[in-house]
Amino acid sequence: MRDQDDYEDDPDLEEDDSLEAKVWQLLLLINPGDEETALQQFAAYREAVADGDESEPVELIARVIDWRSGFMTAEDDLRSLVQALDELSARWNLWIDWNGDPGDDDYFEDRDAGSVLGIASDRLAEAGYTLWSWETADDSYAGWITLSRDNEPMRELATTLHINLRLARDVG
């Protein structure tokens, strides 16, 4: 196996077809400009694999990125979804205009996860970011944010890693 240092500035990385290399590429995409976080998450991923965790790659990735570079919330927990998206977007000094006050109980009365993800997707797109959602084994919502310029590489990696990924604005 490669060491983490082997992945830093490796011009042959894109040529490497291993699962590990694909996971590394995905972590770089969901941590734009933050290679240190990607390295920490990659180390946690490798540790889980070394410990014999045989979960699907996306399940392991979800665990190592949760609330730092991605989100996973229960279907009916819209407050946590808004909080997670606010925290993720704050990494790049972005603020999501939710078209109302999510702190107000009435805000969620006529909303569902699809509408919340749609609002966040539109606001992030204005700043050059794409909000993604991937299909989970249960009724939760999960995803991450990338730079919009990385949409095609993200789609390709998701396909390679067997992640049923879609634009978050298409959820619902």
Protein backbone atom coordinates (compact mmCIF):
# COMPACT_ATOMS: atom_id res chain seq x y z
CA MET A 1 0.00 0.00 0.00
CA ARG A 2 1.06 3.55 -0.58
CA ASP A 3 1.84 6.02 2.18
CA GLN A 4 -0.08 9.28 2.33
CA ASP A 5 3.02 11.13 1.18
CA ASP A 6 2.97 9.09 -2.02
CA TYR A 7 -0.29 10.80 -3.00
CA GLU A 8 0.85 14.35 -2.53
CA ASP A 9 1.69 15.98 -5.86
CA ASP A 10 1.90 12.59 -7.60
CA PRO A 11 1.59 13.18 -11.36
CA ASP A 12 0.84 9.47 -11.90
CA LEU A 13 -2.08 9.45 -9.48
CA GLU A 14 -4.62 9.95 -12.24
CA GLU A 15 -3.16 6.88 -13.94
CA ASP A 16 -3.62 4.75 -10.80
CA ASP A 17 -6.85 2.76 -11.11
CA SER A 18 -6.83 1.27 -7.61
CA LEU A 19 -9.80 1.73 -5.34
CA GLU A 20 -7.55 3.50 -2.86
CA ALA A 21 -6.43 6.02 -5.51
CA LYS A 22 -10.05 6.71 -6.51
CA VAL A 23 -11.02 7.32 -2.89
CA TRP A 24 -8.07 9.71 -2.55
CA GLN A 25 -9.19 11.59 -5.69
CA LEU A 26 -12.73 11.85 -4.32
CA LEU A 27 -11.47 13.19 -0.99
CA LEU A 28 -9.46 15.85 -2.81
CA LEU A 29 -12.56 16.90 -4.77
CA ILE A 30 -14.77 17.24 -1.69
CA ASN A 31 -12.07 19.15 0.17
CA PRO A 32 -11.15 21.80 -2.41
CA GLY A 33 -8.15 23.77 -1.22
CA ASP A 34 -7.90 21.71 1.98
CA GLU A 35 -5.48 18.86 1.32
CA GLU A 36 -4.73 18.49 5.04
CA THR A 37 -8.34 17.50 5.76
CA ALA A 38 -8.30 15.15 2.77
CA LEU A 39 -5.13 13.51 4.16
CA GLN A 40 -6.69 13.05 7.59
CA GLN A 41 -9.80 11.51 6.08
CA PHE A 42 -7.74 9.28 3.80
CA ALA A 43 -5.78 8.02 6.80
CA ALA A 44 -9.05 7.25 8.61
CA TYR A 45 -10.36 5.46 5.50
CA ARG A 46 -7.19 3.37 5.19
CA GLU A 47 -7.31 2.53 8.90
CA ALA A 48 -10.91 1.30 8.59
CA VAL A 49 -9.95 -0.87 5.61
CA ALA A 50 -6.89 -2.21 7.45
CA ASP A 51 -9.12 -3.07 10.43
CA GLY A 52 -11.14 -5.31 8.13
CA ASP A 53 -14.15 -3.05 7.58
CA GLU A 54 -15.76 -4.46 4.45
CA SER A 55 -18.39 -1.74 4.01
CA GLU A 56 -18.98 -0.27 0.59
CA PRO A 57 -16.50 2.54 -0.19
CA VAL A 58 -19.20 5.22 0.01
CA GLU A 59 -20.20 4.03 3.50
CA LEU A 60 -16.62 4.27 4.72
CA ILE A 61 -16.19 7.63 3.03
CA ALA A 62 -19.37 8.89 4.67
CA ARG A 63 -18.07 7.96 8.10
CA VAL A 64 -14.70 9.63 7.67
CA ILE A 65 -16.09 12.88 6.22
CA ASP A 66 -19.30 13.30 8.21
CA TRP A 67 -19.92 16.90 9.27
CA ARG A 68 -16.46 18.00 8.13
CA SER A 69 -16.69 17.50 4.37
CA GLY A 70 -20.09 15.88 3.96
CA PHE A 71 -23.45 15.39 5.55
CA MET A 72 -25.83 12.58 6.41
CA THR A 73 -29.11 13.39 8.12
CA ALA A 74 -32.35 11.60 8.77
CA GLU A 75 -35.06 12.16 6.20
CA ASP A 76 -37.24 14.13 8.59
CA ASP A 77 -34.48 16.11 10.36
CA LEU A 78 -34.52 19.27 8.27
CA ARG A 79 -32.94 21.36 11.03
CA SER A 80 -29.85 19.13 11.04
CA LEU A 81 -29.75 19.25 7.25
CA VAL A 82 -29.73 23.06 7.27
CA GLN A 83 -27.14 23.10 10.06
CA ALA A 84 -24.88 20.66 8.20
CA LEU A 85 -25.11 22.62 4.96
CA ASP A 86 -24.41 25.88 6.79
CA GLU A 87 -21.32 24.35 8.42
CA LEU A 88 -20.05 22.88 5.16
CA SER A 89 -20.52 26.10 3.21
CA ALA A 90 -18.83 28.10 5.98
CA ARG A 91 -15.61 26.26 5.13
CA TRP A 92 -15.36 28.56 2.10
CA ASN A 93 -16.83 31.61 3.83
CA LEU A 94 -20.15 31.11 2.07
CA TRP A 95 -23.53 31.89 3.55
CA ILE A 96 -26.74 30.28 2.31
CA ASP A 97 -29.77 32.55 2.04
CA TRP A 98 -32.52 30.12 3.04
CA ASN A 99 -35.36 32.39 1.84
CA GLY A 100 -36.51 32.69 5.43
CA ASP A 101 -35.31 32.00 8.95
CA PRO A 102 -34.53 28.31 9.65
CA GLY A 103 -34.43 29.26 13.33
CA ASP A 104 -38.17 29.93 13.16
CA ASP A 105 -40.36 26.87 13.72
CA ASP A 106 -42.69 27.93 10.90
CA TYR A 107 -39.84 27.83 8.37
CA PHE A 108 -39.98 24.04 8.09
CA GLU A 109 -43.78 23.80 8.04
CA ASP A 110 -44.12 23.66 4.25
CA ARG A 111 -40.67 22.34 3.37
CA ASP A 112 -39.13 18.96 2.77
CA ALA A 113 -35.54 17.85 2.26
CA GLY A 114 -35.84 18.27 -1.51
CA SER A 115 -36.78 21.94 -1.18
CA VAL A 116 -34.01 22.58 1.38
CA LEU A 117 -31.43 20.91 -0.87
CA GLY A 118 -32.75 22.88 -3.85
CA ILE A 119 -32.33 26.22 -2.08
CA ALA A 120 -28.81 25.31 -0.94
CA SER A 121 -27.88 24.05 -4.42
CA ASP A 122 -28.97 27.28 -6.07
CA ARG A 123 -27.10 29.48 -3.58
CA LEU A 124 -23.92 27.41 -3.75
CA ALA A 125 -24.03 27.35 -7.56
CA GLU A 126 -24.02 31.16 -7.53
CA ALA A 127 -20.63 30.96 -5.78
CA GLY A 128 -19.21 28.26 -8.11
CA TYR A 129 -19.93 25.19 -5.97
CA THR A 130 -22.05 22.10 -6.59
CA LEU A 131 -24.05 20.33 -3.90
CA TRP A 132 -24.26 16.58 -4.45
CA SER A 133 -26.44 13.93 -2.87
CA TRP A 134 -25.91 10.19 -2.94
CA GLU A 135 -28.35 7.39 -2.40
CA THR A 136 -28.21 5.83 1.05
CA ALA A 137 -29.34 2.40 2.21
CA ASP A 138 -32.00 4.00 4.40
CA ASP A 139 -34.17 7.10 4.14
CA SER A 140 -31.45 9.53 5.12
CA TYR A 141 -29.99 12.30 2.98
CA ALA A 142 -26.26 12.39 2.37
CA GLY A 143 -23.87 14.33 0.20
CA TRP A 144 -21.00 16.75 -0.18
CA ILE A 145 -19.92 19.91 -1.96
CA THR A 146 -17.37 20.34 -4.74
CA LEU A 147 -16.22 23.14 -6.99
CA SER A 148 -18.54 23.28 -10.00
CA ARG A 149 -15.56 22.99 -12.34
CA ASP A 150 -15.05 19.48 -10.90
CA ASN A 151 -18.52 18.19 -11.80
CA GLU A 152 -17.36 15.83 -14.55
CA PRO A 153 -14.49 14.26 -12.55
CA MET A 154 -16.92 13.81 -9.64
CA ARG A 155 -19.43 12.03 -11.87
CA GLU A 156 -16.70 9.75 -13.23
CA LEU A 157 -15.37 8.89 -9.76
CA ALA A 158 -18.87 8.24 -8.45
CA THR A 159 -19.50 5.82 -11.29
CA THR A 160 -16.18 4.06 -10.70
CA LEU A 161 -16.88 3.79 -6.96
CA HIS A 162 -20.47 2.61 -7.55
CA ILE A 163 -21.93 5.66 -5.82
CA ASN A 164 -25.41 6.57 -6.98
CA LEU A 165 -24.69 10.28 -7.04
CA ARG A 166 -26.89 13.06 -8.33
CA LEU A 167 -27.12 16.80 -8.12
CA ALA A 168 -28.80 17.66 -4.83
CA ARG A 169 -31.25 19.98 -6.56
CA ASP A 170 -32.66 16.88 -8.30
CA VAL A 171 -33.56 15.19 -5.00
CA GLY A 172 -37.15 15.10 -4.03
